[in-house]
């Protein structure tokens, strides 16, 4: 098992404690580069639950996103308005919601990496 970067854990904890969703971050995980803004876990779960509740077929899964973790040390990064960078494209165009285990991050940088199809 990999030990997560202490500095990255501290950043995640600050996002959680200040309930801020303005921190932009780019991470490298196995098979992907993800770029976007971090959100507190509770806010991220709330938004995912809203999307699921609006679905006729997936509404029952919304309850899985209502459990609280309390004040434990973060184990995951919660991205919103995020894209997986693939070549010169970002997928999806409008940004998505991604949950990334801190222990899976092999490299990271502050900021949202832009992309262009030109």
N, C-alpha and C. Protein backbone atom coordinates (compact mmCIF):
# COMPACT_ATOMS: atom_id res chain seq x y z
N UNK A 1 0.84 -1.18 0.00
CA UNK A 1 0.00 0.00 0.00
C UNK A 1 0.89 1.24 0.00
N UNK A 2 0.57 2.18 -0.83
CA UNK A 2 1.31 3.42 -0.94
C UNK A 2 0.84 4.41 0.14
N UNK A 3 1.80 5.15 0.68
CA UNK A 3 1.46 6.20 1.65
C UNK A 3 1.23 7.49 0.89
N UNK A 4 0.07 8.14 1.08
CA UNK A 4 -0.19 9.38 0.36
C UNK A 4 0.78 10.50 0.76
N UNK A 5 1.02 11.40 -0.17
CA UNK A 5 1.86 12.57 0.05
C UNK A 5 1.27 13.42 1.19
N UNK A 6 2.06 13.67 2.23
CA UNK A 6 1.59 14.43 3.39
C UNK A 6 1.12 15.83 3.02
N UNK A 7 1.78 16.46 2.07
CA UNK A 7 1.39 17.81 1.65
C UNK A 7 0.04 17.77 0.95
N UNK A 8 -0.18 16.76 0.13
CA UNK A 8 -1.46 16.62 -0.56
C UNK A 8 -2.58 16.32 0.43
N UNK A 9 -2.30 15.51 1.44
CA UNK A 9 -3.29 15.24 2.49
C UNK A 9 -3.63 16.54 3.22
N UNK A 10 -2.63 17.38 3.48
CA UNK A 10 -2.86 18.66 4.15
C UNK A 10 -3.74 19.58 3.30
N UNK A 11 -3.51 19.58 2.00
CA UNK A 11 -4.35 20.40 1.10
C UNK A 11 -5.79 19.90 1.14
N UNK A 12 -5.96 18.59 1.06
CA UNK A 12 -7.31 18.01 1.11
C UNK A 12 -7.99 18.35 2.43
N UNK A 13 -7.25 18.30 3.52
CA UNK A 13 -7.82 18.63 4.83
C UNK A 13 -8.23 20.11 4.90
N UNK A 14 -7.45 20.97 4.28
CA UNK A 14 -7.79 22.40 4.26
C UNK A 14 -9.07 22.64 3.46
N UNK A 15 -9.21 21.96 2.34
CA UNK A 15 -10.44 22.07 1.54
C UNK A 15 -11.63 21.62 2.40
N UNK A 16 -11.45 20.51 3.12
CA UNK A 16 -12.52 20.00 3.98
C UNK A 16 -12.85 20.98 5.11
N UNK A 17 -11.85 21.50 5.79
CA UNK A 17 -12.09 22.34 6.97
C UNK A 17 -12.66 23.71 6.63
N UNK A 18 -12.29 24.22 5.47
CA UNK A 18 -12.78 25.55 5.08
C UNK A 18 -13.99 25.47 4.16
N UNK A 19 -14.39 24.26 3.82
CA UNK A 19 -15.52 24.03 2.93
C UNK A 19 -15.40 24.88 1.66
N UNK A 20 -14.20 24.88 1.12
CA UNK A 20 -13.90 25.66 -0.08
C UNK A 20 -13.91 24.77 -1.31
N UNK A 21 -14.37 25.32 -2.42
CA UNK A 21 -14.33 24.58 -3.69
C UNK A 21 -13.59 25.40 -4.75
N UNK A 22 -12.63 26.20 -4.30
CA UNK A 22 -11.90 27.07 -5.23
C UNK A 22 -10.49 26.58 -5.53
N UNK A 23 -10.01 25.54 -4.86
CA UNK A 23 -8.65 25.04 -5.05
C UNK A 23 -8.58 24.20 -6.32
N UNK A 24 -7.80 24.67 -7.28
CA UNK A 24 -7.60 23.92 -8.52
C UNK A 24 -6.39 23.02 -8.38
N UNK A 25 -6.50 21.82 -8.90
CA UNK A 25 -5.44 20.83 -8.76
C UNK A 25 -5.44 19.92 -9.98
N UNK A 26 -4.26 19.44 -10.33
CA UNK A 26 -4.11 18.45 -11.39
C UNK A 26 -3.34 17.28 -10.79
N UNK A 27 -3.85 16.07 -10.99
CA UNK A 27 -3.21 14.88 -10.43
C UNK A 27 -2.96 13.85 -11.53
N UNK A 28 -1.92 13.05 -11.30
CA UNK A 28 -1.62 11.91 -12.16
C UNK A 28 -1.95 10.67 -11.35
N UNK A 29 -2.82 9.84 -11.90
CA UNK A 29 -3.19 8.57 -11.28
C UNK A 29 -3.00 7.49 -12.34
N UNK A 30 -2.97 6.22 -11.94
CA UNK A 30 -2.78 5.18 -12.96
C UNK A 30 -3.79 5.31 -14.11
N UNK A 31 -3.25 5.54 -15.28
CA UNK A 31 -4.08 5.60 -16.48
C UNK A 31 -4.73 6.93 -16.79
N UNK A 32 -4.51 7.97 -15.99
CA UNK A 32 -5.21 9.22 -16.25
C UNK A 32 -4.51 10.42 -15.62
N UNK A 33 -4.74 11.57 -16.26
CA UNK A 33 -4.40 12.87 -15.68
C UNK A 33 -5.74 13.57 -15.49
N UNK A 34 -6.03 13.98 -14.26
CA UNK A 34 -7.30 14.63 -13.94
C UNK A 34 -7.01 16.03 -13.47
N UNK A 35 -7.74 16.99 -14.02
CA UNK A 35 -7.55 18.39 -13.67
C UNK A 35 -8.91 19.00 -13.35
N UNK A 36 -8.96 19.83 -12.32
CA UNK A 36 -10.21 20.46 -11.95
C UNK A 36 -10.12 21.12 -10.60
N UNK A 37 -11.27 21.37 -10.00
CA UNK A 37 -11.32 22.01 -8.69
C UNK A 37 -11.74 20.99 -7.64
N UNK A 38 -11.12 21.13 -6.47
CA UNK A 38 -11.47 20.26 -5.35
C UNK A 38 -12.71 20.77 -4.65
N UNK A 39 -13.48 19.85 -4.12
CA UNK A 39 -14.66 20.20 -3.33
C UNK A 39 -14.61 19.41 -2.03
N UNK A 40 -15.19 19.95 -0.97
CA UNK A 40 -15.31 19.17 0.26
C UNK A 40 -16.15 17.92 -0.02
N UNK A 41 -15.82 16.84 0.66
CA UNK A 41 -16.50 15.57 0.42
C UNK A 41 -18.02 15.69 0.57
N UNK A 42 -18.49 16.37 1.61
CA UNK A 42 -19.93 16.48 1.84
C UNK A 42 -20.62 17.20 0.68
N UNK A 43 -20.03 18.27 0.19
CA UNK A 43 -20.60 19.01 -0.93
C UNK A 43 -20.60 18.15 -2.19
N UNK A 44 -19.50 17.44 -2.43
CA UNK A 44 -19.38 16.56 -3.59
C UNK A 44 -20.47 15.49 -3.55
N UNK A 45 -20.62 14.85 -2.39
CA UNK A 45 -21.64 13.80 -2.24
C UNK A 45 -23.04 14.35 -2.46
N UNK A 46 -23.27 15.55 -1.94
CA UNK A 46 -24.59 16.19 -2.10
C UNK A 46 -24.92 16.41 -3.58
N UNK A 47 -23.94 16.89 -4.33
CA UNK A 47 -24.17 17.14 -5.75
C UNK A 47 -24.39 15.85 -6.53
N UNK A 48 -23.62 14.81 -6.21
CA UNK A 48 -23.80 13.52 -6.88
C UNK A 48 -25.18 12.96 -6.54
N UNK A 49 -25.58 13.04 -5.28
CA UNK A 49 -26.89 12.54 -4.86
C UNK A 49 -28.01 13.27 -5.59
N UNK A 50 -27.87 14.58 -5.79
CA UNK A 50 -28.88 15.34 -6.52
C UNK A 50 -29.06 14.82 -7.94
N UNK A 51 -27.94 14.57 -8.61
CA UNK A 51 -27.99 14.06 -9.98
C UNK A 51 -28.67 12.69 -10.00
N UNK A 52 -28.31 11.84 -9.06
CA UNK A 52 -28.90 10.50 -9.01
C UNK A 52 -30.39 10.55 -8.71
N UNK A 53 -30.79 11.42 -7.77
CA UNK A 53 -32.22 11.53 -7.42
C UNK A 53 -33.06 11.97 -8.62
N UNK A 54 -32.47 12.74 -9.52
CA UNK A 54 -33.20 13.22 -10.70
C UNK A 54 -33.36 12.15 -11.77
N UNK A 55 -32.73 10.99 -11.60
CA UNK A 55 -32.79 9.92 -12.58
C UNK A 55 -33.85 8.90 -12.19
N UNK A 56 -34.69 8.53 -13.15
CA UNK A 56 -35.71 7.51 -12.91
C UNK A 56 -35.07 6.16 -12.61
N UNK A 57 -33.95 5.86 -13.23
CA UNK A 57 -33.32 4.55 -13.10
C UNK A 57 -32.28 4.47 -11.98
N UNK A 58 -31.71 5.60 -11.59
CA UNK A 58 -30.61 5.58 -10.63
C UNK A 58 -30.94 6.24 -9.29
N UNK A 59 -32.14 6.74 -9.14
CA UNK A 59 -32.53 7.48 -7.94
C UNK A 59 -32.28 6.75 -6.64
N UNK A 60 -32.46 5.44 -6.62
CA UNK A 60 -32.28 4.68 -5.38
C UNK A 60 -30.84 4.68 -4.89
N UNK A 61 -29.87 4.95 -5.78
CA UNK A 61 -28.46 4.97 -5.38
C UNK A 61 -28.07 6.25 -4.65
N UNK A 62 -28.93 7.26 -4.67
CA UNK A 62 -28.63 8.53 -4.02
C UNK A 62 -28.38 8.36 -2.53
N UNK A 63 -29.04 7.40 -1.91
CA UNK A 63 -28.86 7.21 -0.46
C UNK A 63 -27.44 6.80 -0.10
N UNK A 64 -26.71 6.17 -1.01
CA UNK A 64 -25.32 5.77 -0.73
C UNK A 64 -24.43 6.99 -0.52
N UNK A 65 -24.86 8.15 -0.99
CA UNK A 65 -24.04 9.36 -0.91
C UNK A 65 -24.46 10.27 0.24
N UNK A 66 -25.29 9.79 1.14
CA UNK A 66 -25.75 10.63 2.24
C UNK A 66 -25.04 10.32 3.56
N UNK A 67 -24.24 9.27 3.61
CA UNK A 67 -23.52 8.91 4.84
C UNK A 67 -22.42 9.92 5.13
N UNK A 68 -22.22 10.23 6.38
CA UNK A 68 -21.19 11.19 6.80
C UNK A 68 -19.96 10.45 7.32
N UNK A 69 -18.77 11.00 7.03
CA UNK A 69 -17.51 10.43 7.51
C UNK A 69 -17.07 11.06 8.82
N UNK A 70 -17.66 12.15 9.21
CA UNK A 70 -17.22 12.84 10.42
C UNK A 70 -15.97 13.66 10.15
N UNK A 71 -15.12 13.78 11.16
CA UNK A 71 -13.92 14.61 11.06
C UNK A 71 -12.66 13.78 10.86
N UNK A 72 -12.74 12.72 10.11
CA UNK A 72 -11.57 11.88 9.86
C UNK A 72 -10.63 12.54 8.86
N UNK A 73 -9.36 12.11 8.89
CA UNK A 73 -8.39 12.61 7.91
C UNK A 73 -8.84 12.19 6.51
N UNK A 74 -8.72 13.09 5.53
CA UNK A 74 -9.18 12.76 4.17
C UNK A 74 -8.43 11.56 3.59
N UNK A 75 -9.15 10.74 2.86
CA UNK A 75 -8.57 9.60 2.15
C UNK A 75 -8.70 9.74 0.65
N UNK A 76 -9.54 10.70 0.22
CA UNK A 76 -9.81 10.90 -1.19
C UNK A 76 -9.84 12.39 -1.53
N UNK A 77 -9.57 12.68 -2.78
CA UNK A 77 -9.79 14.01 -3.33
C UNK A 77 -11.12 13.96 -4.06
N UNK A 78 -11.90 15.01 -3.95
CA UNK A 78 -13.21 15.08 -4.60
C UNK A 78 -13.19 16.24 -5.59
N UNK A 79 -13.16 15.89 -6.86
CA UNK A 79 -13.10 16.89 -7.93
C UNK A 79 -14.48 17.18 -8.47
N UNK A 80 -14.72 18.44 -8.77
CA UNK A 80 -15.89 18.83 -9.54
C UNK A 80 -15.39 19.76 -10.64
N UNK A 81 -16.18 19.96 -11.65
CA UNK A 81 -15.77 20.73 -12.83
C UNK A 81 -14.41 20.19 -13.30
N UNK A 82 -14.28 18.88 -13.32
CA UNK A 82 -13.00 18.23 -13.61
C UNK A 82 -13.05 17.52 -14.97
N UNK A 83 -11.86 17.38 -15.53
CA UNK A 83 -11.74 16.69 -16.82
C UNK A 83 -10.58 15.71 -16.76
N UNK A 84 -10.74 14.61 -17.47
CA UNK A 84 -9.64 13.70 -17.70
C UNK A 84 -8.96 14.19 -18.96
N UNK A 85 -7.66 14.47 -18.88
CA UNK A 85 -6.94 14.96 -20.06
C UNK A 85 -6.53 13.79 -20.92
N UNK A 86 -6.91 13.84 -22.17
CA UNK A 86 -6.59 12.80 -23.14
C UNK A 86 -6.06 13.50 -24.38
N UNK A 87 -4.75 13.45 -24.56
CA UNK A 87 -4.16 14.19 -25.68
C UNK A 87 -4.42 15.67 -25.50
N UNK A 88 -5.00 16.29 -26.48
CA UNK A 88 -5.29 17.72 -26.40
C UNK A 88 -6.75 17.99 -26.02
N UNK A 89 -7.45 16.96 -25.55
CA UNK A 89 -8.86 17.10 -25.20
C UNK A 89 -9.09 16.87 -23.71
N UNK A 90 -10.12 17.48 -23.19
CA UNK A 90 -10.58 17.24 -21.83
C UNK A 90 -11.91 16.52 -21.88
N UNK A 91 -12.04 15.43 -21.13
CA UNK A 91 -13.26 14.63 -21.16
C UNK A 91 -13.86 14.63 -19.75
N UNK A 92 -15.13 14.95 -19.56
CA UNK A 92 -16.05 15.52 -20.53
C UNK A 92 -15.79 17.02 -20.72
N UNK A 93 -16.31 17.57 -21.79
CA UNK A 93 -16.09 18.99 -22.09
C UNK A 93 -16.56 19.90 -20.97
N UNK A 94 -17.70 19.57 -20.38
CA UNK A 94 -18.29 20.43 -19.36
C UNK A 94 -17.75 20.18 -17.96
N UNK A 95 -16.95 19.17 -17.80
CA UNK A 95 -16.42 18.83 -16.49
C UNK A 95 -17.27 17.80 -15.79
N UNK A 96 -16.64 17.00 -14.98
CA UNK A 96 -17.35 15.93 -14.29
C UNK A 96 -17.00 15.88 -12.82
N UNK A 97 -17.53 14.87 -12.16
CA UNK A 97 -17.33 14.66 -10.73
C UNK A 97 -16.48 13.41 -10.57
N UNK A 98 -15.28 13.56 -10.00
CA UNK A 98 -14.38 12.42 -9.83
C UNK A 98 -13.94 12.32 -8.38
N UNK A 99 -13.83 11.10 -7.90
CA UNK A 99 -13.31 10.80 -6.55
C UNK A 99 -12.03 10.00 -6.75
N UNK A 100 -10.93 10.52 -6.21
CA UNK A 100 -9.61 9.92 -6.42
C UNK A 100 -8.99 9.59 -5.07
N UNK A 101 -8.55 8.35 -4.90
CA UNK A 101 -7.89 7.96 -3.66
C UNK A 101 -6.54 8.68 -3.56
N UNK A 102 -6.28 9.30 -2.44
CA UNK A 102 -5.01 10.01 -2.24
C UNK A 102 -3.82 9.08 -2.44
N UNK A 103 -3.95 7.84 -2.05
CA UNK A 103 -2.82 6.91 -2.17
C UNK A 103 -2.52 6.54 -3.61
N UNK A 104 -3.45 6.83 -4.54
CA UNK A 104 -3.23 6.52 -5.95
C UNK A 104 -2.55 7.64 -6.72
N UNK A 105 -2.41 8.80 -6.12
CA UNK A 105 -1.81 9.95 -6.80
C UNK A 105 -0.29 9.79 -6.81
N UNK A 106 0.27 9.76 -8.03
CA UNK A 106 1.72 9.61 -8.15
C UNK A 106 2.42 10.94 -8.40
N UNK A 107 1.70 11.94 -8.87
CA UNK A 107 2.25 13.28 -9.10
C UNK A 107 1.08 14.26 -9.09
N UNK A 108 1.38 15.51 -8.75
CA UNK A 108 0.33 16.52 -8.73
C UNK A 108 0.93 17.90 -8.84
N UNK A 109 0.09 18.85 -9.22
CA UNK A 109 0.50 20.24 -9.29
C UNK A 109 -0.71 21.12 -8.98
N UNK A 110 -0.43 22.27 -8.43
CA UNK A 110 -1.49 23.24 -8.16
C UNK A 110 -1.93 23.83 -9.50
N UNK A 111 -3.20 23.99 -9.67
CA UNK A 111 -3.74 24.62 -10.86
C UNK A 111 -4.47 23.65 -11.76
N UNK A 112 -5.28 24.22 -12.59
CA UNK A 112 -6.10 23.48 -13.55
C UNK A 112 -5.40 23.58 -14.90
N UNK A 113 -4.98 22.46 -15.45
CA UNK A 113 -4.27 22.49 -16.73
C UNK A 113 -5.29 22.69 -17.85
N UNK A 114 -5.03 23.70 -18.65
CA UNK A 114 -5.90 23.95 -19.80
C UNK A 114 -5.58 23.00 -20.93
N UNK A 115 -6.45 22.95 -21.89
CA UNK A 115 -6.27 22.09 -23.05
C UNK A 115 -6.86 22.81 -24.25
N UNK A 116 -6.48 22.37 -25.41
CA UNK A 116 -6.95 22.99 -26.63
C UNK A 116 -7.03 21.96 -27.72
N UNK A 117 -8.00 22.12 -28.62
CA UNK A 117 -8.09 21.19 -29.74
C UNK A 117 -7.52 21.81 -31.02
N UNK A 118 -6.72 22.85 -30.86
CA UNK A 118 -6.12 23.51 -32.02
C UNK A 118 -4.77 22.95 -32.35
